[in-house]
């Protein structure tokens, strides 16, 4: 039996960055908002024992329980897709704050080139620069149009940084707080990159350099450089996350409530509108229907796409015909880079999730691609995130993988090894997409999401180019041994790489090639909004969170206008 609840103005499915931003903005505007979060409530006070590497980094305390819901994976359509039984390549967050609790804190704005990538690539290199199997497209919005929303997110989060990068888009305001400390390790990278003619700058960081109070009155503390950021919550309240910023802001209005342990299994649609969502209590398995004037999908990109698919909202992508939009343009990232083994000991155990220096000389279209067989690039960074003993055992090439010699080399090189890593862009391909699995289901009887993905020729060429550039910088840094990253072949979902999945619910100006418009409003249901990295038409050379935050503020503006103006967004 389904229990019908009281109707609200807005219901969000998921309470992470996007759900928190939507809630805060709509609640401040006087709308009644309910957030449905399938995980539990948590906050700074719960992270006093956060420095337990095994509990959080190995056993994934803050992540989605894949025994209840997971994804199936295959490299191509000829393979049988099988369930991911343990989180590997990416780590989906669960609970209050979502992935915004366990993230590192890298906070980028995608480049102006990214938003008009199809138009700008065609104009400069010709329409045949990439093969027709690459489904490249513009985003339906420009950087300049999105810039005010970037600015608003950075002010909410108190981002620490410096505006000296010549390659990124123009900013309307300085960073809210100064950059983090420039350590001896980062200075080593800075000197080498400068010697090679590049322009290094401090990475924009949500690990704040100083205490900060945001425009809504939320306080964020200064980073302690303890080195426990990625996969961990912050016990200092110094890593900006939804549960210390936008969620309290929403709650303080009196217009916002969160229902925890609420797993949404369907968006109910009637005609050209949705009426609400159906969900299960994950503890009691009771079933509820939450009616709402506006439904906003604000969970992780895979869960957003799956929910639309099982609700039969939108046209599923068909790789045979290239028609349909839901599940289309899935992209991941490549991770070019190089490691260096040094003579001197360094304090590599200290750091923060987004303590680093970066160059953008090989990102976007910052360099000429005329004679190259790929487009775009990567940000190349030296980060000092704080290495930990269980998952970090750097050893030089030809060292045995176990035994006395391995142990000796591991201890010797633990604090003598540095790495340069790239966030490599990924272009959409006709054969890379998301769908529903026809065999496997979650514990609620709902089909699992099926991911079909493999690296492409574009990925392999870009990875090779950027790995060589990384090795050159590492050599200039003075490493006694430089180990360039291995070439990539087939994508493997097993080892952790990044959590930077994009696409599947792409935004755009044309319903034939996008799921939502540039306010993230669904083309097929005027009161349904879908917001997250799934809106990206491709993946860029950065972490996605800053751009996701900007899109969430853009979406919130659209929802408020829609609600206040009788269905009009403007």
Protein backbone atom coordinates (compact mmCIF):
# COMPACT_ATOMS: atom_id res chain seq x y z
CA UNK A 1 0.00 0.00 0.00
CA UNK A 2 1.31 3.43 -0.98
CA UNK A 3 1.04 6.28 1.54
CA UNK A 4 0.24 9.62 -0.13
CA UNK A 5 2.00 12.58 1.47
CA UNK A 6 1.15 16.27 1.55
CA UNK A 7 1.95 18.09 -1.68
CA UNK A 8 4.89 20.53 -1.70
CA UNK A 9 6.16 23.13 -4.14
CA UNK A 10 9.46 21.39 -4.91
CA UNK A 11 10.85 17.93 -4.24
CA UNK A 12 14.51 17.09 -4.90
CA UNK A 13 15.79 13.56 -5.36
CA UNK A 14 19.17 13.57 -3.59
CA UNK A 15 20.70 16.01 -1.11
CA UNK A 16 24.25 16.74 -2.23
CA UNK A 17 25.58 19.91 -3.85
CA UNK A 18 22.84 20.20 -6.46
CA UNK A 19 20.00 19.21 -4.13
CA UNK A 20 21.31 21.54 -1.43
CA UNK A 21 21.67 24.51 -3.79
CA UNK A 22 18.18 24.01 -5.26
CA UNK A 23 16.73 23.70 -1.75
CA UNK A 24 18.50 26.78 -0.38
CA UNK A 25 17.55 29.05 -3.27
CA UNK A 26 13.94 27.86 -3.55
CA UNK A 27 13.38 27.90 0.22
CA UNK A 28 14.76 31.44 0.46
CA UNK A 29 12.28 32.40 -2.27
CA UNK A 30 9.42 31.13 -0.13
CA UNK A 31 8.83 27.76 -1.80
CA UNK A 32 8.15 24.69 0.33
CA UNK A 33 10.84 22.12 -0.44
CA UNK A 34 11.32 18.46 0.52
CA UNK A 35 14.63 16.72 -0.09
CA UNK A 36 14.59 12.93 -0.44
CA UNK A 37 17.92 11.33 0.49
CA UNK A 38 18.29 7.57 0.45
CA UNK A 39 21.26 7.65 2.82
CA UNK A 40 21.43 8.84 6.41
CA UNK A 41 22.01 12.20 8.03
CA UNK A 42 25.61 13.07 8.89
CA UNK A 43 27.78 16.10 9.54
CA UNK A 44 31.05 17.46 10.91
CA UNK A 45 30.42 15.99 14.35
CA UNK A 46 30.36 12.48 12.82
CA UNK A 47 33.89 12.75 11.44
CA UNK A 48 35.93 12.84 14.65
CA UNK A 49 37.42 9.45 13.70
CA UNK A 50 37.80 10.37 10.06
CA UNK A 51 41.52 9.49 9.97
CA UNK A 52 40.66 5.80 9.75
CA UNK A 53 42.05 5.04 6.29
CA UNK A 54 40.72 1.49 6.25
CA UNK A 55 37.16 2.44 7.20
CA UNK A 56 36.78 5.33 4.78
CA UNK A 57 39.32 4.91 1.96
CA UNK A 58 39.30 1.12 1.66
CA UNK A 59 35.86 0.06 2.90
CA UNK A 60 34.04 3.17 1.59
CA UNK A 61 32.03 4.22 4.63
CA UNK A 62 30.55 7.22 2.79
CA UNK A 63 29.76 5.49 -0.48
CA UNK A 64 26.81 3.82 -2.17
CA UNK A 65 26.11 0.25 -1.02
CA UNK A 66 26.58 -1.82 -4.19
CA UNK A 67 24.94 -4.86 -2.59
CA UNK A 68 21.68 -2.91 -2.94
CA UNK A 69 22.28 -1.00 -6.18
CA UNK A 70 25.15 -0.96 -8.62
CA UNK A 71 25.82 -0.63 -12.36
CA UNK A 72 26.58 -3.25 -14.95
CA UNK A 73 29.47 -2.70 -17.32
CA UNK A 74 30.83 -3.79 -20.68
CA UNK A 75 33.38 -2.35 -23.11
CA UNK A 76 31.20 -2.87 -26.17
CA UNK A 77 27.82 -4.19 -27.30
CA UNK A 78 29.23 -7.61 -28.14
CA UNK A 79 30.13 -8.27 -24.50
CA UNK A 80 27.80 -9.32 -21.68
CA UNK A 81 27.48 -6.57 -19.09
CA UNK A 82 28.18 -7.70 -15.53
CA UNK A 83 27.49 -5.98 -12.19
CA UNK A 84 30.19 -4.02 -10.40
CA UNK A 85 30.29 -5.88 -7.06
CA UNK A 86 32.73 -3.50 -5.38
CA UNK A 87 33.24 0.18 -6.09
CA UNK A 88 36.27 0.57 -8.34
CA UNK A 89 36.76 3.15 -11.06
CA UNK A 90 34.42 5.69 -9.47
CA UNK A 91 33.00 6.23 -5.99
CA UNK A 92 29.33 7.20 -5.75
CA UNK A 93 28.50 9.05 -2.56
CA UNK A 94 25.48 8.32 -0.37
CA UNK A 95 24.03 10.15 2.61
CA UNK A 96 23.67 13.84 3.38
CA UNK A 97 26.11 15.77 1.19
CA UNK A 98 26.55 12.94 -1.31
CA UNK A 99 29.84 13.02 -3.18
CA UNK A 100 30.21 16.62 -1.98
CA UNK A 101 31.21 15.21 1.40
CA UNK A 102 34.01 12.91 0.28
CA UNK A 103 35.39 15.00 -2.60
CA UNK A 104 38.89 16.47 -2.74
CA UNK A 105 37.73 20.04 -3.29
CA UNK A 106 39.12 20.88 -6.76
CA UNK A 107 36.76 23.62 -7.98
CA UNK A 108 37.09 24.57 -11.62
CA UNK A 109 35.10 26.49 -14.18
CA UNK A 110 35.00 24.69 -17.51
CA UNK A 111 36.65 26.78 -20.23
CA UNK A 112 34.76 29.06 -22.64
CA UNK A 113 35.86 26.64 -25.38
CA UNK A 114 34.02 23.78 -23.69
CA UNK A 115 30.56 25.32 -23.93
CA UNK A 116 30.86 25.99 -27.68
CA UNK A 117 33.21 23.15 -28.53
CA UNK A 118 31.46 22.01 -31.71
CA UNK A 119 31.17 25.50 -33.19
CA UNK A 120 34.70 26.59 -32.26
CA UNK A 121 36.33 23.33 -33.38
CA UNK A 122 34.55 23.41 -36.73
CA UNK A 123 35.46 27.06 -37.29
CA UNK A 124 39.15 26.56 -36.56
CA UNK A 125 39.90 23.02 -37.75
CA UNK A 126 37.01 22.07 -40.01
CA UNK A 127 33.94 19.89 -39.48
CA UNK A 128 35.92 16.72 -40.21
CA UNK A 129 38.52 17.23 -37.43
CA UNK A 130 36.95 14.28 -35.59
CA UNK A 131 35.36 11.24 -37.22
CA UNK A 132 31.54 11.30 -37.48
CA UNK A 133 31.26 8.69 -34.71
CA UNK A 134 32.14 11.43 -32.21
CA UNK A 135 28.85 13.08 -31.26
CA UNK A 136 30.31 16.48 -30.42
CA UNK A 137 27.87 19.31 -29.68
CA UNK A 138 27.58 22.72 -28.04
CA UNK A 139 25.95 23.04 -24.62
CA UNK A 140 23.24 25.54 -25.49
CA UNK A 141 24.81 28.13 -23.19
CA UNK A 142 28.01 30.17 -23.28
CA UNK A 143 30.63 30.73 -20.60
CA UNK A 144 29.67 34.40 -20.37
CA UNK A 145 26.03 33.47 -19.75
CA UNK A 146 27.05 31.01 -17.02
CA UNK A 147 29.72 33.23 -15.40
CA UNK A 148 27.39 34.89 -12.81
CA UNK A 149 26.38 31.45 -11.58
CA UNK A 150 30.02 30.34 -11.32
CA UNK A 151 30.63 33.46 -9.26
CA UNK A 152 27.70 32.70 -6.97
CA UNK A 153 28.81 29.11 -6.33
CA UNK A 154 32.38 30.18 -5.55
CA UNK A 155 31.12 32.77 -3.07
CA UNK A 156 28.90 30.18 -1.40
CA UNK A 157 31.83 27.77 -1.14
CA UNK A 158 34.49 30.40 -0.29
CA UNK A 159 36.86 29.03 -2.94
CA UNK A 160 40.55 29.78 -2.43
CA UNK A 161 42.54 30.66 -5.54
CA UNK A 162 44.44 33.18 -7.65
CA UNK A 163 43.40 34.68 -10.99
CA UNK A 164 46.69 34.48 -12.90
CA UNK A 165 45.86 31.71 -15.39
CA UNK A 166 45.89 33.28 -18.89
CA UNK A 167 43.82 30.50 -20.43
CA UNK A 168 40.60 30.40 -18.46
CA UNK A 169 37.51 32.58 -18.84
CA UNK A 170 37.24 36.10 -17.51
CA UNK A 171 35.98 36.48 -13.96
CA UNK A 172 33.60 39.15 -12.69
CA UNK A 173 35.15 39.00 -9.19
CA UNK A 174 38.34 37.76 -7.49
CA UNK A 175 38.32 34.46 -5.63
CA UNK A 176 36.61 34.84 -2.23
CA UNK A 177 39.72 33.71 -0.33
CA UNK A 178 43.47 33.68 -1.13
CA UNK A 179 45.21 30.57 -2.49
CA UNK A 180 46.45 27.82 -0.20
CA UNK A 181 50.05 27.55 1.02
CA UNK A 182 52.69 27.11 -1.66
CA UNK A 183 54.76 24.26 -0.21
CA UNK A 184 58.34 23.30 -1.17
CA UNK A 185 56.95 20.49 -3.33
CA UNK A 186 54.70 22.87 -5.24
CA UNK A 187 57.55 25.37 -5.63
CA UNK A 188 59.58 22.60 -7.23
CA UNK A 189 56.81 22.10 -9.80
CA UNK A 190 56.41 25.86 -10.26
CA UNK A 191 60.08 26.33 -11.03
CA UNK A 192 60.20 23.46 -13.51
CA UNK A 193 57.03 24.52 -15.32
CA UNK A 194 58.22 28.14 -15.52
CA UNK A 195 61.62 27.02 -16.87
CA UNK A 196 59.80 25.19 -19.66
CA UNK A 197 57.82 28.31 -20.56
CA UNK A 198 54.50 27.37 -18.97
CA UNK A 199 52.28 29.38 -16.61
CA UNK A 200 51.73 27.58 -13.26
CA UNK A 201 49.11 28.78 -10.80
CA UNK A 202 47.58 27.57 -7.54
CA UNK A 203 44.69 25.17 -7.99
CA UNK A 204 41.24 26.61 -7.04
CA UNK A 205 40.42 24.93 -3.75
CA UNK A 206 37.42 24.20 -1.54
CA UNK A 207 39.89 23.43 1.28
CA UNK A 208 39.92 27.01 2.47
CA UNK A 209 43.10 28.99 3.10
CA UNK A 210 41.39 31.02 5.82
CA UNK A 211 38.15 31.11 7.80
CA UNK A 212 35.27 32.47 5.77
CA UNK A 213 31.61 33.42 6.17
CA UNK A 214 29.62 33.09 2.97
CA UNK A 215 26.84 35.45 1.78
CA UNK A 216 24.20 33.26 3.45
CA UNK A 217 26.00 33.48 6.80
CA UNK A 218 27.44 29.94 6.79
CA UNK A 219 30.89 29.64 8.41
CA UNK A 220 33.68 27.57 6.87
CA UNK A 221 36.91 27.02 8.78
CA UNK A 222 40.53 27.15 7.61
CA UNK A 223 42.21 23.99 6.33
CA UNK A 224 44.57 22.17 8.74
CA UNK A 225 46.49 20.34 5.94
CA UNK A 226 45.92 16.95 7.59
CA UNK A 227 45.84 15.05 4.28
CA UNK A 228 42.52 13.27 4.82
CA UNK A 229 40.14 14.77 2.24
CA UNK A 230 39.27 12.47 -0.64
CA UNK A 231 36.97 9.64 0.58
CA UNK A 232 36.69 11.38 3.97
CA UNK A 233 34.47 13.98 5.60
CA UNK A 234 36.23 16.92 7.24
CA UNK A 235 36.22 16.99 11.04
CA UNK A 236 37.28 20.66 11.01
CA UNK A 237 34.45 21.93 8.82
CA UNK A 238 37.18 23.31 6.56
CA UNK A 239 36.43 21.42 3.35
CA UNK A 240 33.41 23.15 1.88
CA UNK A 241 30.55 20.69 1.55
CA UNK A 242 26.75 20.89 1.27
CA UNK A 243 26.06 19.92 4.90
CA UNK A 244 27.95 22.96 6.26
CA UNK A 245 26.72 25.50 3.68
CA UNK A 246 23.60 25.21 1.53
CA UNK A 247 21.74 22.60 3.60
CA UNK A 248 21.81 24.66 6.84
CA UNK A 249 20.86 27.72 4.80
CA UNK A 250 17.81 25.94 3.44
CA UNK A 251 16.81 24.58 6.85
CA UNK A 252 17.04 27.99 8.52
CA UNK A 253 14.26 29.32 6.28
CA UNK A 254 11.70 26.98 7.83
CA UNK A 255 10.64 26.00 4.29
CA UNK A 256 12.79 22.87 3.94
CA UNK A 257 12.62 19.34 5.24
CA UNK A 258 14.76 16.31 4.47
CA UNK A 259 13.45 12.75 4.48
CA UNK A 260 16.32 10.32 4.98
CA UNK A 261 16.38 6.63 4.02
CA UNK A 262 14.14 7.48 1.05
CA UNK A 263 15.01 5.64 -2.16
CA UNK A 264 13.09 7.03 -5.14
CA UNK A 265 12.13 4.41 -7.73
CA UNK A 266 9.85 6.35 -10.07
CA UNK A 267 8.98 9.83 -11.29
CA UNK A 268 5.24 9.77 -12.01
CA UNK A 269 4.23 11.54 -15.24
CA UNK A 270 0.79 12.46 -16.54
CA UNK A 271 0.61 14.14 -19.93
CA UNK A 272 3.32 16.79 -20.30
CA UNK A 273 3.80 17.18 -16.53
CA UNK A 274 5.08 15.12 -13.63
CA UNK A 275 3.01 14.84 -10.46
CA UNK A 276 5.60 13.66 -7.95
CA UNK A 277 7.83 10.73 -7.05
CA UNK A 278 7.37 7.28 -5.59
CA UNK A 279 9.89 6.07 -3.02
CA UNK A 280 10.63 3.31 -0.50
CA UNK A 281 11.79 3.74 3.07
CA UNK A 282 15.08 1.81 2.98
CA UNK A 283 14.65 0.63 6.59
CA UNK A 284 10.98 -0.42 6.71
CA UNK A 285 10.39 -0.89 2.94
CA UNK A 286 7.20 1.15 3.26
CA UNK A 287 6.15 2.81 0.01
CA UNK A 288 5.30 6.51 -0.29
CA UNK A 289 4.18 8.97 -2.94
CA UNK A 290 5.46 12.54 -2.60
CA UNK A 291 3.42 14.89 -4.80
CA UNK A 292 5.01 18.17 -5.88
CA UNK A 293 4.48 21.07 -8.25
CA UNK A 294 8.10 20.72 -9.40
CA UNK A 295 10.34 17.63 -9.35
CA UNK A 296 14.12 18.07 -9.50
CA UNK A 297 16.51 15.15 -10.01
CA UNK A 298 19.65 16.05 -8.07
CA UNK A 299 21.31 12.69 -7.45
CA UNK A 300 24.49 11.33 -9.05
CA UNK A 301 24.46 11.34 -12.86
CA UNK A 302 23.95 7.60 -13.19
CA UNK A 303 21.04 7.62 -10.77
CA UNK A 304 19.43 10.61 -12.51
CA UNK A 305 19.64 8.85 -15.87
CA UNK A 306 18.37 5.55 -14.48
CA UNK A 307 15.38 7.21 -12.81
CA UNK A 308 14.32 8.84 -16.09
CA UNK A 309 14.75 5.52 -17.89
CA UNK A 310 12.66 3.42 -15.48
CA UNK A 311 10.03 6.20 -15.42
CA UNK A 312 9.85 6.12 -19.24
CA UNK A 313 10.45 9.86 -19.53
CA UNK A 314 12.31 10.84 -22.70
CA UNK A 315 13.51 8.87 -25.69
CA UNK A 316 16.18 6.27 -24.98
CA UNK A 317 19.34 6.56 -27.05
CA UNK A 318 19.71 3.95 -29.79
CA UNK A 319 23.35 3.36 -30.86
CA UNK A 320 22.21 1.61 -34.06
CA UNK A 321 20.38 4.66 -35.39
CA UNK A 322 21.99 7.42 -33.33
CA UNK A 323 18.49 8.61 -32.44
CA UNK A 324 17.25 9.37 -28.93
CA UNK A 325 18.91 11.41 -26.22
CA UNK A 326 18.53 9.68 -22.84
CA UNK A 327 21.80 7.89 -22.03
CA UNK A 328 23.64 9.53 -24.95
CA UNK A 329 27.06 11.23 -24.77
CA UNK A 330 28.33 9.39 -21.70
CA UNK A 331 31.95 10.43 -21.08
CA UNK A 332 34.60 9.59 -18.53
CA UNK A 333 38.16 10.97 -18.38
CA UNK A 334 41.71 9.92 -19.15
CA UNK A 335 44.51 10.27 -16.62
CA UNK A 336 47.85 10.96 -18.31
CA UNK A 337 50.83 11.67 -16.11
CA UNK A 338 54.27 10.73 -14.85
CA UNK A 339 55.92 9.84 -11.56
CA UNK A 340 59.36 10.78 -10.33
CA UNK A 341 61.62 9.18 -7.71
CA UNK A 342 63.86 11.65 -5.88
CA UNK A 343 66.89 11.50 -3.60
CA UNK A 344 65.55 13.82 -0.91
CA UNK A 345 62.77 13.14 1.56
CA UNK A 346 59.68 15.36 1.36
CA UNK A 347 56.65 15.86 3.60
CA UNK A 348 54.33 14.04 1.22
CA UNK A 349 52.19 12.79 4.11
CA UNK A 350 50.97 16.35 4.70
CA UNK A 351 48.57 18.15 2.42
CA UNK A 352 44.95 18.73 1.47
CA UNK A 353 42.60 17.41 -1.18
CA UNK A 354 43.03 20.38 -3.50
CA UNK A 355 46.44 21.67 -2.47
CA UNK A 356 48.27 21.91 -5.77
CA UNK A 357 49.63 23.82 -8.72
CA UNK A 358 48.44 23.48 -12.29
CA UNK A 359 49.23 24.47 -15.85
CA UNK A 360 46.57 24.95 -18.53
CA UNK A 361 49.01 25.32 -21.42
CA UNK A 362 47.74 22.01 -22.79
CA UNK A 363 44.06 22.28 -21.84
CA UNK A 364 41.10 23.09 -24.05
CA UNK A 365 42.28 24.80 -27.23
CA UNK A 366 45.14 26.65 -25.49
CA UNK A 367 47.54 25.16 -28.04
CA UNK A 368 47.24 24.49 -31.77
CA UNK A 369 45.73 21.12 -32.70
CA UNK A 370 46.08 21.58 -36.45
CA UNK A 371 48.67 18.81 -36.92
CA UNK A 372 47.39 16.63 -34.06
CA UNK A 373 44.92 13.75 -34.30
CA UNK A 374 42.86 14.85 -31.30
CA UNK A 375 41.16 17.91 -29.83
CA UNK A 376 41.08 19.40 -26.32
CA UNK A 377 43.61 18.46 -23.61
CA UNK A 378 44.03 18.43 -19.85
CA UNK A 379 44.99 20.47 -16.84
CA UNK A 380 48.36 19.10 -15.62
CA UNK A 381 48.80 19.34 -11.87
CA UNK A 382 51.18 18.62 -9.05
CA UNK A 383 48.99 18.00 -6.02
CA UNK A 384 50.04 17.43 -2.43
CA UNK A 385 46.98 15.63 -1.09
CA UNK A 386 48.66 13.74 1.75
CA UNK A 387 49.68 10.17 0.99
CA UNK A 388 48.50 7.45 3.37
CA UNK A 389 50.21 4.15 4.25
CA UNK A 390 47.65 1.52 3.24
CA UNK A 391 46.98 2.53 -0.36
CA UNK A 392 50.33 4.18 -1.16
CA UNK A 393 53.36 2.02 -1.97
CA UNK A 394 55.42 3.71 -4.69
CA UNK A 395 58.35 1.64 -5.96
CA UNK A 396 60.69 2.12 -8.94
CA UNK A 397 60.32 0.01 -12.09
CA UNK A 398 61.48 -3.63 -11.96
CA UNK A 399 60.89 -3.87 -8.20
CA UNK A 400 59.26 -7.19 -7.22
CA UNK A 401 55.57 -6.81 -6.34
CA UNK A 402 55.99 -8.60 -2.98
CA UNK A 403 58.62 -9.82 -0.56
CA UNK A 404 61.56 -8.27 1.27
CA UNK A 405 62.83 -6.25 -1.70
CA UNK A 406 59.38 -4.75 -2.28
CA UNK A 407 59.02 -3.81 1.40
CA UNK A 408 62.44 -2.17 1.45
CA UNK A 409 61.76 -0.19 -1.74
CA UNK A 410 58.30 0.83 -0.52
CA UNK A 411 59.63 2.20 2.77
CA UNK A 412 62.55 3.91 1.03
CA UNK A 413 60.39 5.69 -1.57
CA UNK A 414 57.26 6.45 0.46
CA UNK A 415 58.20 10.11 0.96
CA UNK A 416 60.56 10.46 -2.00
CA UNK A 417 58.04 10.10 -4.83
CA UNK A 418 56.03 12.77 -6.64
CA UNK A 419 53.50 12.53 -9.46
CA UNK A 420 52.15 14.88 -12.09
CA UNK A 421 48.59 14.03 -13.07
CA UNK A 422 46.31 15.22 -15.82
CA UNK A 423 42.54 15.52 -15.93
CA UNK A 424 42.17 14.54 -19.57
CA UNK A 425 39.09 15.57 -21.54
CA UNK A 426 36.83 12.92 -23.04
CA UNK A 427 34.82 13.38 -26.21
CA UNK A 428 31.44 11.68 -26.71
CA UNK A 429 31.34 8.67 -29.00
CA UNK A 430 28.42 6.88 -30.62
CA UNK A 431 29.26 3.60 -28.85
CA UNK A 432 29.67 5.07 -25.34
CA UNK A 433 26.29 5.35 -23.61
CA UNK A 434 24.05 4.35 -20.69
CA UNK A 435 20.95 2.14 -20.84
CA UNK A 436 18.90 -0.19 -18.63
CA UNK A 437 20.19 -3.70 -18.04
CA UNK A 438 17.83 -6.42 -19.23
CA UNK A 439 19.01 -9.02 -16.71
CA UNK A 440 20.04 -7.52 -13.38
CA UNK A 441 17.86 -5.58 -10.90
CA UNK A 442 18.37 -3.72 -7.62
CA UNK A 443 16.79 -4.77 -4.31
CA UNK A 444 13.59 -2.93 -5.21
CA UNK A 445 13.16 -4.90 -8.42
CA UNK A 446 14.21 -1.97 -10.62
CA UNK A 447 16.62 -2.69 -13.53
CA UNK A 448 20.22 -1.69 -12.97
CA UNK A 449 21.88 0.95 -15.10
CA UNK A 450 24.05 -0.53 -17.83
CA UNK A 451 27.22 1.29 -18.89
CA UNK A 452 28.82 0.61 -22.27
CA UNK A 453 32.15 2.39 -22.51
CA UNK A 454 35.64 2.12 -23.91
CA UNK A 455 38.52 4.45 -24.65
CA UNK A 456 38.63 5.78 -28.21
CA UNK A 457 41.38 6.70 -30.66
CA UNK A 458 40.94 10.32 -29.55
CA UNK A 459 41.54 9.27 -25.93
CA UNK A 460 44.63 7.24 -26.73
CA UNK A 461 46.24 9.97 -28.84
CA UNK A 462 45.53 12.65 -26.22
CA UNK A 463 46.81 10.44 -23.40
CA UNK A 464 50.10 9.77 -25.20
CA UNK A 465 50.69 13.47 -25.94
CA UNK A 466 49.97 14.62 -22.39
CA UNK A 467 51.94 11.83 -20.76
CA UNK A 468 55.02 12.96 -22.70
CA UNK A 469 54.49 16.55 -21.55
CA UNK A 470 54.13 15.38 -17.94
CA UNK A 471 57.37 13.38 -18.14
CA UNK A 472 59.21 16.43 -19.48
CA UNK A 473 58.13 18.51 -16.49
CA UNK A 474 59.03 15.75 -14.03
CA UNK A 475 62.49 15.47 -15.57
CA UNK A 476 62.92 19.25 -15.23
CA UNK A 477 61.95 18.91 -11.55
CA UNK A 478 65.11 16.85 -11.01
CA UNK A 479 63.78 13.35 -10.44
CA UNK A 480 66.51 10.68 -10.53
CA UNK A 481 64.05 8.29 -12.19
CA UNK A 482 61.06 9.37 -14.30
CA UNK A 483 58.30 6.87 -15.00
CA UNK A 484 55.78 7.95 -17.62
CA UNK A 485 52.26 6.59 -17.46
CA UNK A 486 51.57 3.46 -19.49
CA UNK A 487 49.63 3.80 -22.76
CA UNK A 488 45.92 3.11 -22.45
CA UNK A 489 44.13 0.36 -24.33
CA UNK A 490 40.73 -0.85 -23.12
CA UNK A 491 38.99 0.89 -20.24
CA UNK A 492 38.86 -1.18 -17.04
CA UNK A 493 36.20 -0.41 -14.45
CA UNK A 494 38.10 -2.14 -11.62
CA UNK A 495 40.90 0.22 -10.47
CA UNK A 496 39.90 3.60 -9.04
CA UNK A 497 40.49 6.41 -11.52
CA UNK A 498 38.12 9.35 -10.93
CA UNK A 499 34.47 9.86 -10.03
CA UNK A 500 34.11 12.29 -12.94
CA UNK A 501 31.38 10.69 -15.03
CA UNK A 502 29.42 12.99 -17.33
CA UNK A 503 26.62 12.90 -19.89
CA UNK A 504 23.45 10.88 -20.32
CA UNK A 505 21.07 13.78 -19.56
CA UNK A 506 22.74 16.34 -21.80
CA UNK A 507 21.66 19.98 -21.94
CA UNK A 508 21.29 21.87 -25.20
CA UNK A 509 19.24 24.11 -27.47
CA UNK A 510 17.65 21.30 -29.52
CA UNK A 511 15.38 18.54 -28.14
CA UNK A 512 16.72 16.23 -30.88
CA UNK A 513 20.17 16.20 -29.27
CA UNK A 514 19.50 17.04 -25.62
CA UNK A 515 17.39 15.96 -22.65
CA UNK A 516 17.04 19.37 -20.98
CA UNK A 517 17.26 23.02 -21.98
CA UNK A 518 19.80 25.47 -20.55
CA UNK A 519 17.74 25.93 -17.37
CA UNK A 520 17.95 22.12 -16.99
CA UNK A 521 14.19 21.84 -17.62
CA UNK A 522 13.17 18.57 -19.28
CA UNK A 523 11.94 18.97 -22.84
CA UNK A 524 9.15 16.42 -22.31
CA UNK A 525 7.85 17.56 -18.91
CA UNK A 526 7.76 21.26 -18.15
CA UNK A 527 7.86 20.89 -14.34
CA UNK A 528 10.71 18.35 -14.27
CA UNK A 529 14.31 19.54 -13.91
CA UNK A 530 17.46 17.39 -14.07
CA UNK A 531 20.74 18.85 -12.84
CA UNK A 532 24.27 17.48 -12.49
CA UNK A 533 27.31 16.46 -14.49
CA UNK A 534 24.95 14.40 -16.64
CA UNK A 535 24.11 17.70 -18.34
CA UNK A 536 27.65 17.98 -19.77
CA UNK A 537 27.80 17.40 -23.53
CA UNK A 538 31.37 16.12 -23.11
CA UNK A 539 33.92 15.89 -20.32
CA UNK A 540 36.58 18.55 -19.97
CA UNK A 541 40.08 18.89 -18.61
CA UNK A 542 38.93 19.63 -15.06
CA UNK A 543 36.98 18.20 -12.15
CA UNK A 544 33.25 18.82 -12.76
CA UNK A 545 32.00 20.17 -9.40
CA UNK A 546 32.45 23.91 -10.02
CA UNK A 547 30.53 23.68 -13.28
CA UNK A 548 27.87 21.49 -11.66
CA UNK A 549 27.47 24.12 -8.92
CA UNK A 550 27.00 26.88 -11.49
CA UNK A 551 24.40 24.83 -13.36
CA UNK A 552 22.55 24.19 -10.09
CA UNK A 553 22.25 27.93 -9.43
CA UNK A 554 21.08 28.43 -13.02
CA UNK A 555 18.53 25.65 -12.53
CA UNK A 556 17.32 27.12 -9.23
CA UNK A 557 16.67 30.45 -10.95
CA UNK A 558 14.63 28.64 -13.58
CA UNK A 559 12.58 26.75 -10.99
CA UNK A 560 11.81 29.92 -9.02
CA UNK A 561 10.77 31.78 -12.17
CA UNK A 562 8.67 28.83 -13.29
CA UNK A 563 6.95 28.66 -9.90
CA UNK A 564 6.37 32.40 -9.52
CA UNK A 565 5.43 33.23 -13.12
CA UNK A 566 2.84 30.60 -13.83
CA UNK A 567 5.08 28.28 -15.79
CA UNK A 568 7.32 30.83 -17.51
CA UNK A 569 11.09 30.60 -16.95
CA UNK A 570 11.76 34.25 -17.72
